Amino acid sequence: MNSIISIQNGSVFQHDRQILNDVNLDIVEGEFVYLIGRSGSGKSSLLKTLYADIPAISGSFNIAGFNLNNLKRKDIPMLRRKIGIVFQDFQLLYDRNVEQNLSFVLKATGWEEEAGINRRINEVLQLVGLQDKKKSMPHQLSGGEQQSVAIARALLNSPSVILADEPTGNLDPETTNDVMKLLMKIRDNGTTILMATHNYNLILKYPSRVISCANGTITESSK
């Protein structure tokens, strides 16, 4: 199978400080891969490089058909239509209901026809089991429901890859299980997922390939 994420001899910098060096990683289509490591080990910085929040300066970075080393600023929105991003703190718009949160993203990424927008919103909410929450405000939802909305948002443009940065970090164990089952279902539908976490219990309960981020680089882990 083809690699949908490929990093060769990559270095990750943030604020001119090198965070990671000699990063080599290939992830094929449909894989679920954990990125583990302590806080400050570089997990988030690597993900930020992959979604072009941090520029790829040294080495070769490719994701979803985009060469990040040569990516122009004007092409970043196009890249982010091909990848979905899920954050630990949800990052919803709290002055808008669920439907308006999702509509905002679709319109920002070029959707114009209202019927198509409504259809796609209904599709992703059905996938995450929140069809009845379309008119709810974020503060009316539980933490798990807010994260499920965030996952629905990440799925709006049918991405090839989802980058998830500690998506269960703010959730209780039961809700964490619900979110993990949802992510595994998305993986089973063919979407590649790279998920940063420091929750080793998840890896035991939902085993998959593990990449370890430590000592300024990444390595395949036996955990």
N, C-alpha and C. Protein backbone atom coordinates (compact mmCIF):
# COMPACT_ATOMS: atom_id res chain seq x y z
N MET A 1 0.84 -1.20 0.00
CA MET A 1 0.00 0.00 0.00
C MET A 1 0.87 1.25 0.00
N ASN A 2 0.30 2.34 -0.49
CA ASN A 2 1.04 3.59 -0.56
C ASN A 2 1.13 4.26 0.81
N SER A 3 2.25 4.93 1.04
CA SER A 3 2.41 5.73 2.26
C SER A 3 1.61 7.02 2.10
N ILE A 4 0.76 7.28 3.09
CA ILE A 4 0.00 8.53 3.06
C ILE A 4 0.70 9.61 3.91
N ILE A 5 1.55 9.16 4.84
CA ILE A 5 2.45 10.06 5.57
C ILE A 5 3.85 9.51 5.39
N SER A 6 4.77 10.34 4.95
CA SER A 6 6.16 9.91 4.78
C SER A 6 7.10 11.03 5.21
N ILE A 7 7.93 10.73 6.18
CA ILE A 7 8.95 11.68 6.65
C ILE A 7 10.30 11.00 6.51
N GLN A 8 11.24 11.66 5.85
CA GLN A 8 12.58 11.11 5.66
C GLN A 8 13.61 12.12 6.17
N ASN A 9 14.39 11.68 7.15
CA ASN A 9 15.47 12.51 7.73
C ASN A 9 14.96 13.89 8.13
N GLY A 10 13.78 13.90 8.72
CA GLY A 10 13.14 15.17 9.05
C GLY A 10 13.61 15.75 10.37
N SER A 11 13.63 17.06 10.43
CA SER A 11 13.86 17.78 11.68
C SER A 11 12.66 18.69 11.93
N VAL A 12 12.29 18.80 13.20
CA VAL A 12 11.15 19.63 13.59
C VAL A 12 11.68 20.77 14.46
N PHE A 13 11.34 21.99 14.06
CA PHE A 13 11.77 23.17 14.78
C PHE A 13 10.55 23.93 15.30
N GLN A 14 10.70 24.57 16.44
CA GLN A 14 9.69 25.49 16.94
C GLN A 14 10.39 26.67 17.57
N HIS A 15 10.04 27.87 17.09
CA HIS A 15 10.70 29.10 17.56
C HIS A 15 12.22 28.98 17.42
N ASP A 16 12.66 28.47 16.26
CA ASP A 16 14.09 28.33 15.91
C ASP A 16 14.83 27.34 16.80
N ARG A 17 14.10 26.59 17.60
CA ARG A 17 14.74 25.56 18.44
C ARG A 17 14.40 24.19 17.89
N GLN A 18 15.44 23.37 17.70
CA GLN A 18 15.20 22.04 17.16
C GLN A 18 14.58 21.16 18.23
N ILE A 19 13.40 20.59 17.92
CA ILE A 19 12.68 19.73 18.84
C ILE A 19 12.97 18.26 18.55
N LEU A 20 12.96 17.90 17.26
CA LEU A 20 13.20 16.53 16.84
C LEU A 20 14.19 16.52 15.68
N ASN A 21 14.96 15.45 15.60
CA ASN A 21 15.95 15.31 14.53
C ASN A 21 15.94 13.88 14.03
N ASP A 22 16.33 13.71 12.77
CA ASP A 22 16.45 12.38 12.16
C ASP A 22 15.15 11.60 12.29
N VAL A 23 14.04 12.25 11.95
CA VAL A 23 12.72 11.61 12.01
C VAL A 23 12.48 10.86 10.70
N ASN A 24 12.22 9.57 10.80
CA ASN A 24 11.88 8.75 9.65
C ASN A 24 10.60 7.99 9.97
N LEU A 25 9.58 8.18 9.15
CA LEU A 25 8.28 7.60 9.44
C LEU A 25 7.51 7.38 8.15
N ASP A 26 6.95 6.19 8.00
CA ASP A 26 6.05 5.90 6.89
C ASP A 26 4.77 5.29 7.47
N ILE A 27 3.65 5.87 7.13
CA ILE A 27 2.34 5.37 7.55
C ILE A 27 1.52 5.14 6.29
N VAL A 28 0.97 3.93 6.15
CA VAL A 28 0.23 3.61 4.93
C VAL A 28 -1.25 3.91 5.11
N GLU A 29 -1.94 3.94 4.00
CA GLU A 29 -3.36 4.25 4.00
C GLU A 29 -4.12 3.26 4.88
N GLY A 30 -5.00 3.80 5.72
CA GLY A 30 -5.84 2.96 6.56
C GLY A 30 -5.22 2.51 7.87
N GLU A 31 -4.00 2.95 8.17
CA GLU A 31 -3.36 2.57 9.44
C GLU A 31 -3.87 3.43 10.58
N PHE A 32 -3.86 2.86 11.79
CA PHE A 32 -4.04 3.62 13.03
C PHE A 32 -2.72 3.53 13.77
N VAL A 33 -2.10 4.67 14.03
CA VAL A 33 -0.78 4.70 14.66
C VAL A 33 -0.82 5.61 15.88
N TYR A 34 -0.35 5.09 17.00
CA TYR A 34 -0.19 5.90 18.20
C TYR A 34 1.18 6.59 18.18
N LEU A 35 1.21 7.84 18.60
CA LEU A 35 2.44 8.58 18.82
C LEU A 35 2.52 8.86 20.31
N ILE A 36 3.42 8.17 21.00
CA ILE A 36 3.48 8.27 22.46
C ILE A 36 4.72 9.05 22.88
N GLY A 37 4.71 9.50 24.12
CA GLY A 37 5.84 10.24 24.66
C GLY A 37 5.40 11.18 25.75
N ARG A 38 6.35 11.58 26.58
CA ARG A 38 6.05 12.50 27.67
C ARG A 38 5.70 13.88 27.15
N SER A 39 5.09 14.69 28.00
CA SER A 39 4.85 16.09 27.66
C SER A 39 6.18 16.76 27.35
N GLY A 40 6.22 17.50 26.27
CA GLY A 40 7.44 18.18 25.87
C GLY A 40 8.37 17.34 25.02
N SER A 41 7.96 16.13 24.68
CA SER A 41 8.84 15.25 23.90
C SER A 41 8.81 15.56 22.41
N GLY A 42 7.83 16.36 21.98
CA GLY A 42 7.78 16.74 20.57
C GLY A 42 6.59 16.20 19.80
N LYS A 43 5.67 15.50 20.49
CA LYS A 43 4.51 14.92 19.80
C LYS A 43 3.69 16.00 19.09
N SER A 44 3.30 17.01 19.85
CA SER A 44 2.45 18.06 19.27
C SER A 44 3.19 18.82 18.17
N SER A 45 4.48 19.05 18.36
CA SER A 45 5.25 19.77 17.35
C SER A 45 5.31 18.98 16.05
N LEU A 46 5.43 17.67 16.14
CA LEU A 46 5.44 16.85 14.94
C LEU A 46 4.08 16.94 14.23
N LEU A 47 2.99 16.85 14.99
CA LEU A 47 1.67 16.96 14.38
C LEU A 47 1.48 18.35 13.75
N LYS A 48 1.93 19.39 14.44
CA LYS A 48 1.79 20.74 13.91
C LYS A 48 2.56 20.90 12.60
N THR A 49 3.70 20.23 12.50
CA THR A 49 4.44 20.27 11.23
C THR A 49 3.65 19.59 10.13
N LEU A 50 2.99 18.48 10.47
CA LEU A 50 2.23 17.74 9.47
C LEU A 50 0.99 18.49 9.00
N TYR A 51 0.40 19.35 9.86
CA TYR A 51 -0.72 20.14 9.35
C TYR A 51 -0.31 21.59 9.06
N ALA A 52 0.99 21.79 8.91
CA ALA A 52 1.55 23.05 8.40
C ALA A 52 1.32 24.25 9.31
N ASP A 53 1.23 24.00 10.62
CA ASP A 53 1.22 25.10 11.57
C ASP A 53 2.65 25.52 11.89
N ILE A 54 3.57 24.55 11.78
CA ILE A 54 5.01 24.80 11.88
C ILE A 54 5.62 24.43 10.53
N PRO A 55 6.46 25.29 9.95
CA PRO A 55 7.02 24.96 8.63
C PRO A 55 7.97 23.78 8.67
N ALA A 56 7.93 22.98 7.61
CA ALA A 56 8.87 21.87 7.43
C ALA A 56 10.11 22.42 6.76
N ILE A 57 11.22 22.46 7.49
CA ILE A 57 12.43 23.13 7.01
C ILE A 57 13.47 22.13 6.53
N SER A 58 13.71 21.11 7.33
CA SER A 58 14.83 20.19 7.07
C SER A 58 14.31 18.78 6.88
N GLY A 59 14.82 18.07 5.87
CA GLY A 59 14.36 16.73 5.58
C GLY A 59 13.19 16.76 4.62
N SER A 60 12.49 15.65 4.50
CA SER A 60 11.37 15.52 3.56
C SER A 60 10.10 15.16 4.32
N PHE A 61 9.06 15.98 4.17
CA PHE A 61 7.76 15.75 4.81
C PHE A 61 6.67 15.71 3.74
N ASN A 62 5.96 14.60 3.69
CA ASN A 62 4.84 14.45 2.75
C ASN A 62 3.64 13.89 3.48
N ILE A 63 2.45 14.44 3.18
CA ILE A 63 1.22 13.95 3.77
C ILE A 63 0.08 14.16 2.78
N ALA A 64 -0.70 13.12 2.56
CA ALA A 64 -1.90 13.19 1.72
C ALA A 64 -1.63 13.81 0.35
N GLY A 65 -0.45 13.49 -0.21
CA GLY A 65 -0.11 13.98 -1.53
C GLY A 65 0.52 15.36 -1.57
N PHE A 66 0.75 15.97 -0.41
CA PHE A 66 1.36 17.31 -0.35
C PHE A 66 2.81 17.20 0.13
N ASN A 67 3.69 17.88 -0.58
CA ASN A 67 5.08 18.04 -0.13
C ASN A 67 5.13 19.28 0.75
N LEU A 68 5.30 19.08 2.06
CA LEU A 68 5.23 20.19 3.00
C LEU A 68 6.44 21.11 2.90
N ASN A 69 7.56 20.61 2.40
CA ASN A 69 8.76 21.44 2.30
C ASN A 69 8.57 22.58 1.32
N ASN A 70 7.77 22.33 0.27
CA ASN A 70 7.56 23.34 -0.77
C ASN A 70 6.18 23.97 -0.71
N LEU A 71 5.46 23.73 0.39
CA LEU A 71 4.07 24.19 0.48
C LEU A 71 4.01 25.71 0.64
N LYS A 72 3.26 26.34 -0.25
CA LYS A 72 3.06 27.79 -0.15
C LYS A 72 1.93 28.08 0.83
N ARG A 73 1.99 29.25 1.45
CA ARG A 73 0.99 29.62 2.44
C ARG A 73 -0.42 29.56 1.86
N LYS A 74 -0.57 29.96 0.61
CA LYS A 74 -1.90 29.98 -0.01
C LYS A 74 -2.46 28.57 -0.21
N ASP A 75 -1.58 27.55 -0.15
CA ASP A 75 -2.03 26.18 -0.36
C ASP A 75 -2.35 25.45 0.95
N ILE A 76 -2.11 26.09 2.08
CA ILE A 76 -2.39 25.44 3.37
C ILE A 76 -3.87 25.09 3.52
N PRO A 77 -4.82 25.99 3.15
CA PRO A 77 -6.24 25.59 3.25
C PRO A 77 -6.56 24.34 2.42
N MET A 78 -5.92 24.21 1.26
CA MET A 78 -6.16 23.03 0.43
C MET A 78 -5.65 21.76 1.13
N LEU A 79 -4.49 21.87 1.77
CA LEU A 79 -3.96 20.75 2.55
C LEU A 79 -4.93 20.36 3.65
N ARG A 80 -5.47 21.34 4.33
CA ARG A 80 -6.33 21.06 5.50
C ARG A 80 -7.72 20.57 5.10
N ARG A 81 -8.02 20.58 3.82
CA ARG A 81 -9.21 19.88 3.36
C ARG A 81 -8.96 18.39 3.23
N LYS A 82 -7.70 18.03 3.12
CA LYS A 82 -7.33 16.61 2.96
C LYS A 82 -7.03 15.93 4.29
N ILE A 83 -6.85 16.72 5.33
CA ILE A 83 -6.56 16.15 6.64
C ILE A 83 -7.55 16.72 7.66
N GLY A 84 -7.91 15.91 8.64
CA GLY A 84 -8.75 16.37 9.73
C GLY A 84 -7.91 16.49 10.99
N ILE A 85 -8.18 17.49 11.80
CA ILE A 85 -7.40 17.74 13.01
C ILE A 85 -8.33 17.71 14.22
N VAL A 86 -7.95 16.92 15.23
CA VAL A 86 -8.74 16.82 16.45
C VAL A 86 -7.84 17.22 17.62
N PHE A 87 -8.30 18.17 18.43
CA PHE A 87 -7.50 18.70 19.52
C PHE A 87 -8.01 18.19 20.87
N GLN A 88 -7.16 18.28 21.87
CA GLN A 88 -7.53 17.87 23.23
C GLN A 88 -8.64 18.75 23.78
N ASP A 89 -8.61 20.04 23.47
CA ASP A 89 -9.54 20.98 24.08
C ASP A 89 -10.70 21.35 23.15
N PHE A 90 -10.99 20.48 22.17
CA PHE A 90 -12.16 20.56 21.29
C PHE A 90 -12.11 21.73 20.30
N GLN A 91 -11.83 22.95 20.79
CA GLN A 91 -11.74 24.15 19.95
C GLN A 91 -13.00 24.39 19.12
N LEU A 92 -14.15 24.23 19.79
CA LEU A 92 -15.42 24.58 19.16
C LEU A 92 -15.68 26.08 19.31
N LEU A 93 -16.59 26.60 18.49
CA LEU A 93 -17.03 27.98 18.61
C LEU A 93 -18.21 27.99 19.59
N TYR A 94 -17.99 28.55 20.78
CA TYR A 94 -18.97 28.38 21.85
C TYR A 94 -20.16 29.33 21.76
N ASP A 95 -20.12 30.25 20.79
CA ASP A 95 -21.28 31.13 20.59
C ASP A 95 -22.18 30.62 19.46
N ARG A 96 -21.92 29.39 18.98
CA ARG A 96 -22.69 28.82 17.88
C ARG A 96 -23.09 27.39 18.22
N ASN A 97 -24.22 26.97 17.71
CA ASN A 97 -24.65 25.60 17.99
C ASN A 97 -23.86 24.61 17.13
N VAL A 98 -24.14 23.33 17.32
CA VAL A 98 -23.38 22.28 16.63
C VAL A 98 -23.47 22.45 15.12
N GLU A 99 -24.69 22.64 14.63
CA GLU A 99 -24.88 22.80 13.18
C GLU A 99 -24.10 24.00 12.65
N GLN A 100 -24.12 25.10 13.38
CA GLN A 100 -23.41 26.30 12.94
C GLN A 100 -21.90 26.12 12.99
N ASN A 101 -21.40 25.37 13.99
CA ASN A 101 -19.97 25.05 14.03
C ASN A 101 -19.54 24.31 12.77
N LEU A 102 -20.34 23.32 12.38
CA LEU A 102 -19.97 22.50 11.23
C LEU A 102 -20.17 23.27 9.92
N SER A 103 -21.23 24.04 9.84
CA SER A 103 -21.49 24.85 8.65
C SER A 103 -20.37 25.86 8.43
N PHE A 104 -19.87 26.45 9.52
CA PHE A 104 -18.79 27.43 9.42
C PHE A 104 -17.57 26.82 8.72
N VAL A 105 -17.22 25.60 9.09
CA VAL A 105 -16.04 24.94 8.51
C VAL A 105 -16.28 24.63 7.04
N LEU A 106 -17.46 24.13 6.71
CA LEU A 106 -17.74 23.80 5.31
C LEU A 106 -17.68 25.05 4.43
N LYS A 107 -18.28 26.13 4.88
CA LYS A 107 -18.27 27.35 4.08
C LYS A 107 -16.85 27.92 3.97
N ALA A 108 -16.06 27.76 5.03
CA ALA A 108 -14.68 28.25 5.01
C ALA A 108 -13.80 27.43 4.06
N THR A 109 -14.24 26.21 3.74
CA THR A 109 -13.45 25.36 2.85
C THR A 109 -14.10 25.23 1.47
N GLY A 110 -14.98 26.18 1.14
CA GLY A 110 -15.44 26.29 -0.23
C GLY A 110 -16.81 25.75 -0.55
N TRP A 111 -17.52 25.19 0.43
CA TRP A 111 -18.88 24.70 0.17
C TRP A 111 -19.82 25.91 0.07
N GLU A 112 -20.71 25.89 -0.91
CA GLU A 112 -21.62 27.01 -1.12
C GLU A 112 -23.09 26.62 -1.11
N GLU A 113 -23.42 25.45 -1.63
CA GLU A 113 -24.82 25.06 -1.76
C GLU A 113 -25.38 24.61 -0.42
N GLU A 114 -26.44 25.26 0.02
CA GLU A 114 -27.01 24.98 1.35
C GLU A 114 -27.48 23.53 1.48
N ALA A 115 -28.08 23.00 0.43
CA ALA A 115 -28.57 21.62 0.50
C ALA A 115 -27.41 20.64 0.71
N GLY A 116 -26.31 20.88 0.02
CA GLY A 116 -25.13 20.03 0.19
C GLY A 116 -24.52 20.16 1.57
N ILE A 117 -24.50 21.39 2.08
CA ILE A 117 -23.98 21.63 3.42
C ILE A 117 -24.82 20.89 4.46
N ASN A 118 -26.13 21.04 4.35
CA ASN A 118 -27.03 20.37 5.31
C ASN A 118 -26.90 18.85 5.23
N ARG A 119 -26.78 18.33 4.02
CA ARG A 119 -26.65 16.88 3.85
C ARG A 119 -25.36 16.36 4.49
N ARG A 120 -24.27 17.08 4.27
CA ARG A 120 -22.99 16.63 4.82
C ARG A 120 -22.98 16.72 6.35
N ILE A 121 -23.56 17.76 6.90
CA ILE A 121 -23.66 17.89 8.36
C ILE A 121 -24.44 16.72 8.94
N ASN A 122 -25.55 16.38 8.32
CA ASN A 122 -26.35 15.25 8.80
C ASN A 122 -25.57 13.94 8.72
N GLU A 123 -24.77 13.78 7.67
CA GLU A 123 -23.99 12.55 7.49
C GLU A 123 -22.96 12.38 8.60
N VAL A 124 -22.21 13.45 8.90
CA VAL A 124 -21.15 13.30 9.90
C VAL A 124 -21.74 13.19 11.30
N LEU A 125 -22.85 13.87 11.57
CA LEU A 125 -23.47 13.74 12.89
C LEU A 125 -24.05 12.34 13.09
N GLN A 126 -24.55 11.75 12.03
CA GLN A 126 -25.03 10.38 12.13
C GLN A 126 -23.87 9.43 12.42
N LEU A 127 -22.74 9.67 11.78
CA LEU A 127 -21.58 8.82 11.97
C LEU A 127 -21.10 8.83 13.42
N VAL A 128 -21.16 10.01 14.07
CA VAL A 128 -20.68 10.10 15.45
C VAL A 128 -21.82 9.96 16.47
N GLY A 129 -23.03 9.69 15.99
CA GLY A 129 -24.15 9.42 16.88
C GLY A 129 -24.75 10.63 17.56
N LEU A 130 -24.68 11.78 16.90
CA LEU A 130 -25.19 13.01 17.52
C LEU A 130 -26.24 13.71 16.65
N GLN A 131 -27.03 12.92 15.93
CA GLN A 131 -28.04 13.52 15.05
C GLN A 131 -29.00 14.42 15.82
N ASP A 132 -29.28 14.05 17.07
CA ASP A 132 -30.28 14.80 17.85
C ASP A 132 -29.68 16.02 18.56
N LYS A 133 -28.38 16.29 18.33
CA LYS A 133 -27.73 17.41 19.02
C LYS A 133 -27.42 18.57 18.07
N LYS A 134 -28.01 18.56 16.90
CA LYS A 134 -27.65 19.53 15.87
C LYS A 134 -27.87 20.97 16.32
N LYS A 135 -28.93 21.20 17.10
CA LYS A 135 -29.26 22.57 17.52
C LYS A 135 -28.72 22.90 18.91
N SER A 136 -27.98 21.96 19.51
CA SER A 136 -27.46 22.19 20.86
C SER A 136 -26.25 23.11 20.83
N MET A 137 -26.12 23.92 21.87
CA MET A 137 -24.92 24.73 22.05
C MET A 137 -23.84 23.87 22.71
N PRO A 138 -22.56 24.18 22.47
CA PRO A 138 -21.50 23.37 23.06
C PRO A 138 -21.60 23.20 24.57
N HIS A 139 -22.01 24.28 25.28
CA HIS A 139 -22.06 24.19 26.74
C HIS A 139 -23.17 23.24 27.22
N GLN A 140 -24.07 22.87 26.32
CA GLN A 140 -25.13 21.94 26.67
C GLN A 140 -24.70 20.48 26.46
N LEU A 141 -23.52 20.27 25.95
CA LEU A 141 -23.01 18.94 25.66
C LEU A 141 -22.01 18.48 26.71
N SER A 142 -21.92 17.18 26.90
CA SER A 142 -20.88 16.62 27.76
C SER A 142 -19.53 16.74 27.06
N GLY A 143 -18.45 16.48 27.81
CA GLY A 143 -17.11 16.52 27.21
C GLY A 143 -16.98 15.54 26.06
N GLY A 144 -17.52 14.34 26.25
CA GLY A 144 -17.44 13.35 25.19
C GLY A 144 -18.22 13.76 23.96
N GLU A 145 -19.38 14.39 24.16
CA GLU A 145 -20.18 14.86 23.03
C GLU A 145 -19.47 16.00 22.31
N GLN A 146 -18.81 16.88 23.06
CA GLN A 146 -18.06 17.96 22.42
C GLN A 146 -16.92 17.40 21.58
N GLN A 147 -16.24 16.38 22.12
CA GLN A 147 -15.15 15.79 21.34
C GLN A 147 -15.69 15.06 20.11
N SER A 148 -16.87 14.46 20.24
CA SER A 148 -17.48 13.81 19.08
C SER A 148 -17.85 14.83 18.01
N VAL A 149 -18.31 16.01 18.43
CA VAL A 149 -18.56 17.08 17.46
C VAL A 149 -17.25 17.49 16.79
N ALA A 150 -16.18 17.58 17.57
CA ALA A 150 -14.87 17.93 17.01
C ALA A 150 -14.42 16.88 15.99
N ILE A 151 -14.70 15.61 16.27
CA ILE A 151 -14.36 14.55 15.32
C ILE A 151 -15.23 14.67 14.08
N ALA A 152 -16.53 14.95 14.27
CA ALA A 152 -17.41 15.18 13.12
C ALA A 152 -16.89 16.33 12.27
N ARG A 153 -16.44 17.38 12.91
CA ARG A 153 -15.87 18.52 12.19
C ARG A 153 -14.66 18.09 11.36
N ALA A 154 -13.81 17.25 11.95
CA ALA A 154 -12.62 16.77 11.25
C ALA A 154 -12.97 15.92 10.03
N LEU A 155 -14.16 15.31 10.05
CA LEU A 155 -14.56 14.41 8.96
C LEU A 155 -15.30 15.11 7.83
N LEU A 156 -15.61 16.39 7.99
CA LEU A 156 -16.52 17.07 7.06
C LEU A 156 -16.08 16.96 5.61
N ASN A 157 -14.80 17.12 5.35
CA ASN A 157 -14.30 17.11 3.97
C ASN A 157 -13.74 15.75 3.56
N SER A 158 -14.21 14.69 4.23
CA SER A 158 -13.79 13.32 3.92
C SER A 158 -12.27 13.21 3.82
N PRO A 159 -11.55 13.53 4.91
CA PRO A 159 -10.10 13.58 4.84
C PRO A 159 -9.48 12.20 4.64
N SER A 160 -8.28 12.21 4.06
CA SER A 160 -7.50 10.98 3.94
C SER A 160 -6.85 10.61 5.26
N VAL A 161 -6.55 11.62 6.08
CA VAL A 161 -5.81 11.45 7.33
C VAL A 161 -6.47 12.26 8.42
N ILE A 162 -6.52 11.69 9.63
CA ILE A 162 -6.88 12.46 10.82
C ILE A 162 -5.66 12.51 11.74
N LEU A 163 -5.30 13.72 12.16
CA LEU A 163 -4.25 13.93 13.14
C LEU A 163 -4.93 14.31 14.45
N ALA A 164 -4.77 13.48 15.46
CA ALA A 164 -5.47 13.67 16.73
C ALA A 164 -4.44 13.91 17.84
N ASP A 165 -4.50 15.07 18.45
CA ASP A 165 -3.52 15.45 19.48
C ASP A 165 -4.15 15.31 20.86
N GLU A 166 -3.86 14.20 21.54
CA GLU A 166 -4.40 13.90 22.88
C GLU A 166 -5.92 14.05 22.91
N PRO A 167 -6.65 13.41 21.98
CA PRO A 167 -8.10 13.65 21.90
C PRO A 167 -8.88 13.17 23.10
N THR A 168 -8.30 12.31 23.93
CA THR A 168 -9.00 11.82 25.13
C THR A 168 -8.43 12.43 26.40
N GLY A 169 -7.55 13.40 26.27
CA GLY A 169 -6.84 13.93 27.43
C GLY A 169 -7.71 14.57 28.48
N ASN A 170 -8.86 15.12 28.07
CA ASN A 170 -9.75 15.80 29.01
C ASN A 170 -11.00 14.99 29.34
N LEU A 171 -10.98 13.68 29.02
CA LEU A 171 -12.19 12.88 29.16
C LEU A 171 -12.04 11.82 30.24
N ASP A 172 -13.18 11.45 30.86
CA ASP A 172 -13.17 10.37 31.85
C ASP A 172 -13.03 9.03 31.12
N PRO A 173 -12.70 7.94 31.87
CA PRO A 173 -12.43 6.65 31.22
C PRO A 173 -13.57 6.14 30.35
N GLU A 174 -14.81 6.25 30.82
CA GLU A 174 -15.93 5.73 30.03
C GLU A 174 -16.09 6.49 28.72
N THR A 175 -15.99 7.81 28.81
CA THR A 175 -16.10 8.64 27.62
C THR A 175 -14.92 8.41 26.68
N THR A 176 -13.74 8.20 27.27
CA THR A 176 -12.56 7.88 26.47
C THR A 176 -12.81 6.64 25.62
N ASN A 177 -13.41 5.62 26.21
CA ASN A 177 -13.72 4.40 25.46
C ASN A 177 -14.66 4.69 24.30
N ASP A 178 -15.65 5.54 24.54
CA ASP A 178 -16.59 5.88 23.47
C ASP A 178 -15.87 6.56 22.30
N VAL A 179 -14.98 7.49 22.63
CA VAL A 179 -14.24 8.21 21.60
C VAL A 179 -13.30 7.27 20.85
N MET A 180 -12.65 6.37 21.57
CA MET A 180 -11.74 5.43 20.92
C MET A 180 -12.49 4.49 19.98
N LYS A 181 -13.66 4.02 20.40
CA LYS A 181 -14.47 3.16 19.52
C LYS A 181 -14.86 3.91 18.25
N LEU A 182 -15.17 5.19 18.40
CA LEU A 182 -15.51 6.01 17.24
C LEU A 182 -14.31 6.14 16.31
N LEU A 183 -13.14 6.42 16.87
CA LEU A 183 -11.94 6.55 16.04
C LEU A 183 -11.60 5.25 15.32
N MET A 184 -11.78 4.13 16.02
CA MET A 184 -11.51 2.84 15.39
C MET A 184 -12.51 2.57 14.25
N LYS A 185 -13.75 2.99 14.43
CA LYS A 185 -14.74 2.83 13.36
C LYS A 185 -14.35 3.66 12.14
N ILE A 186 -13.86 4.86 12.40
CA ILE A 186 -13.41 5.72 11.30
C ILE A 186 -12.23 5.09 10.58
N ARG A 187 -11.30 4.51 11.35
CA ARG A 187 -10.18 3.79 10.75
C ARG A 187 -10.67 2.62 9.90
N ASP A 188 -11.64 1.90 10.41
CA ASP A 188 -12.18 0.75 9.66
C ASP A 188 -12.83 1.18 8.35
N ASN A 189 -13.26 2.43 8.27
CA ASN A 189 -13.83 2.96 7.03
C ASN A 189 -12.76 3.44 6.06
N GLY A 190 -11.47 3.29 6.45
CA GLY A 190 -10.38 3.57 5.52
C GLY A 190 -9.59 4.83 5.77
N THR A 191 -9.93 5.60 6.81
CA THR A 191 -9.21 6.83 7.10
C THR A 191 -7.98 6.52 7.96
N THR A 192 -6.84 7.06 7.58
CA THR A 192 -5.62 6.91 8.35
C THR A 192 -5.68 7.82 9.57
N ILE A 193 -5.25 7.31 10.73
CA ILE A 193 -5.26 8.11 11.95
C ILE A 193 -3.90 8.05 12.63
N LEU A 194 -3.34 9.21 12.92
CA LEU A 194 -2.14 9.34 13.75
C LEU A 194 -2.55 10.07 15.01
N MET A 195 -2.45 9.38 16.14
CA MET A 195 -2.99 9.91 17.40
C MET A 195 -1.89 10.01 18.46
N ALA A 196 -1.64 11.23 18.91
CA ALA A 196 -0.71 11.44 20.01
C ALA A 196 -1.41 11.17 21.34
N THR A 197 -0.73 10.46 22.23
CA THR A 197 -1.31 10.18 23.54
C THR A 197 -0.19 9.84 24.52
N HIS A 198 -0.47 10.02 25.80
CA HIS A 198 0.42 9.45 26.82
C HIS A 198 -0.34 8.46 27.70
N ASN A 199 -1.51 8.04 27.21
CA ASN A 199 -2.35 7.09 27.94
C ASN A 199 -2.03 5.67 27.47
N TYR A 200 -1.15 4.99 28.20
CA TYR A 200 -0.71 3.66 27.78
C TYR A 200 -1.83 2.63 27.92
N ASN A 201 -2.81 2.90 28.78
CA ASN A 201 -3.93 1.97 28.91
C ASN A 201 -4.71 1.85 27.60
N LEU A 202 -4.79 2.95 26.84
CA LEU A 202 -5.48 2.90 25.56
C LEU A 202 -4.79 1.93 24.61
N ILE A 203 -3.48 1.93 24.64
CA ILE A 203 -2.72 1.08 23.72
C ILE A 203 -2.93 -0.39 24.07
N LEU A 204 -3.08 -0.68 25.36
CA LEU A 204 -3.35 -2.05 25.77
C LEU A 204 -4.76 -2.47 25.37
N LYS A 205 -5.70 -1.55 25.49
CA LYS A 205 -7.11 -1.89 25.22
C LYS A 205 -7.43 -1.88 23.73
N TYR A 206 -6.77 -0.99 23.00
CA TYR A 206 -7.00 -0.86 21.56
C TYR A 206 -5.64 -0.96 20.85
N PRO A 207 -5.07 -2.15 20.82
CA PRO A 207 -3.70 -2.29 20.31
C PRO A 207 -3.57 -1.92 18.84
N SER A 208 -2.47 -1.25 18.53
CA SER A 208 -2.16 -0.88 17.16
C SER A 208 -0.67 -0.50 17.13
N ARG A 209 -0.21 -0.10 15.99
CA ARG A 209 1.21 0.28 15.85
C ARG A 209 1.53 1.49 16.74
N VAL A 210 2.71 1.46 17.35
CA VAL A 210 3.11 2.51 18.28
C VAL A 210 4.45 3.10 17.86
N ILE A 211 4.49 4.43 17.79
CA ILE A 211 5.72 5.19 17.55
C ILE A 211 6.04 5.97 18.82
N SER A 212 7.27 5.88 19.27
CA SER A 212 7.68 6.55 20.51
C SER A 212 8.48 7.81 20.20
N CYS A 213 8.13 8.88 20.89
CA CYS A 213 8.78 10.17 20.72
C CYS A 213 9.60 10.44 21.99
N ALA A 214 10.93 10.37 21.87
CA ALA A 214 11.79 10.54 23.05
C ALA A 214 13.21 10.85 22.58
N ASN A 215 13.95 11.53 23.45
CA ASN A 215 15.37 11.81 23.19
C ASN A 215 15.61 12.50 21.85
N GLY A 216 14.67 13.36 21.50
CA GLY A 216 14.86 14.19 20.31
C GLY A 216 14.60 13.51 18.99
N THR A 217 13.98 12.32 18.99
CA THR A 217 13.66 11.67 17.73
C THR A 217 12.48 10.73 17.95
N ILE A 218 12.10 9.96 16.92
CA ILE A 218 11.04 8.98 17.08
C ILE A 218 11.55 7.59 16.69
N THR A 219 11.02 6.58 17.35
CA THR A 219 11.40 5.21 17.06
C THR A 219 10.16 4.32 17.16
N GLU A 220 10.20 3.18 16.47
CA GLU A 220 9.15 2.18 16.65
C GLU A 220 9.24 1.66 18.07
N SER A 221 8.08 1.51 18.71
CA SER A 221 8.04 1.08 20.09
C SER A 221 7.45 -0.30 20.20
N SER A 222 7.91 -1.06 21.18
CA SER A 222 7.36 -2.39 21.42
C SER A 222 6.16 -2.35 22.33
N LYS A 223 5.83 -1.15 22.90
CA LYS A 223 4.72 -1.03 23.84
C LYS A 223 3.40 -0.97 23.11
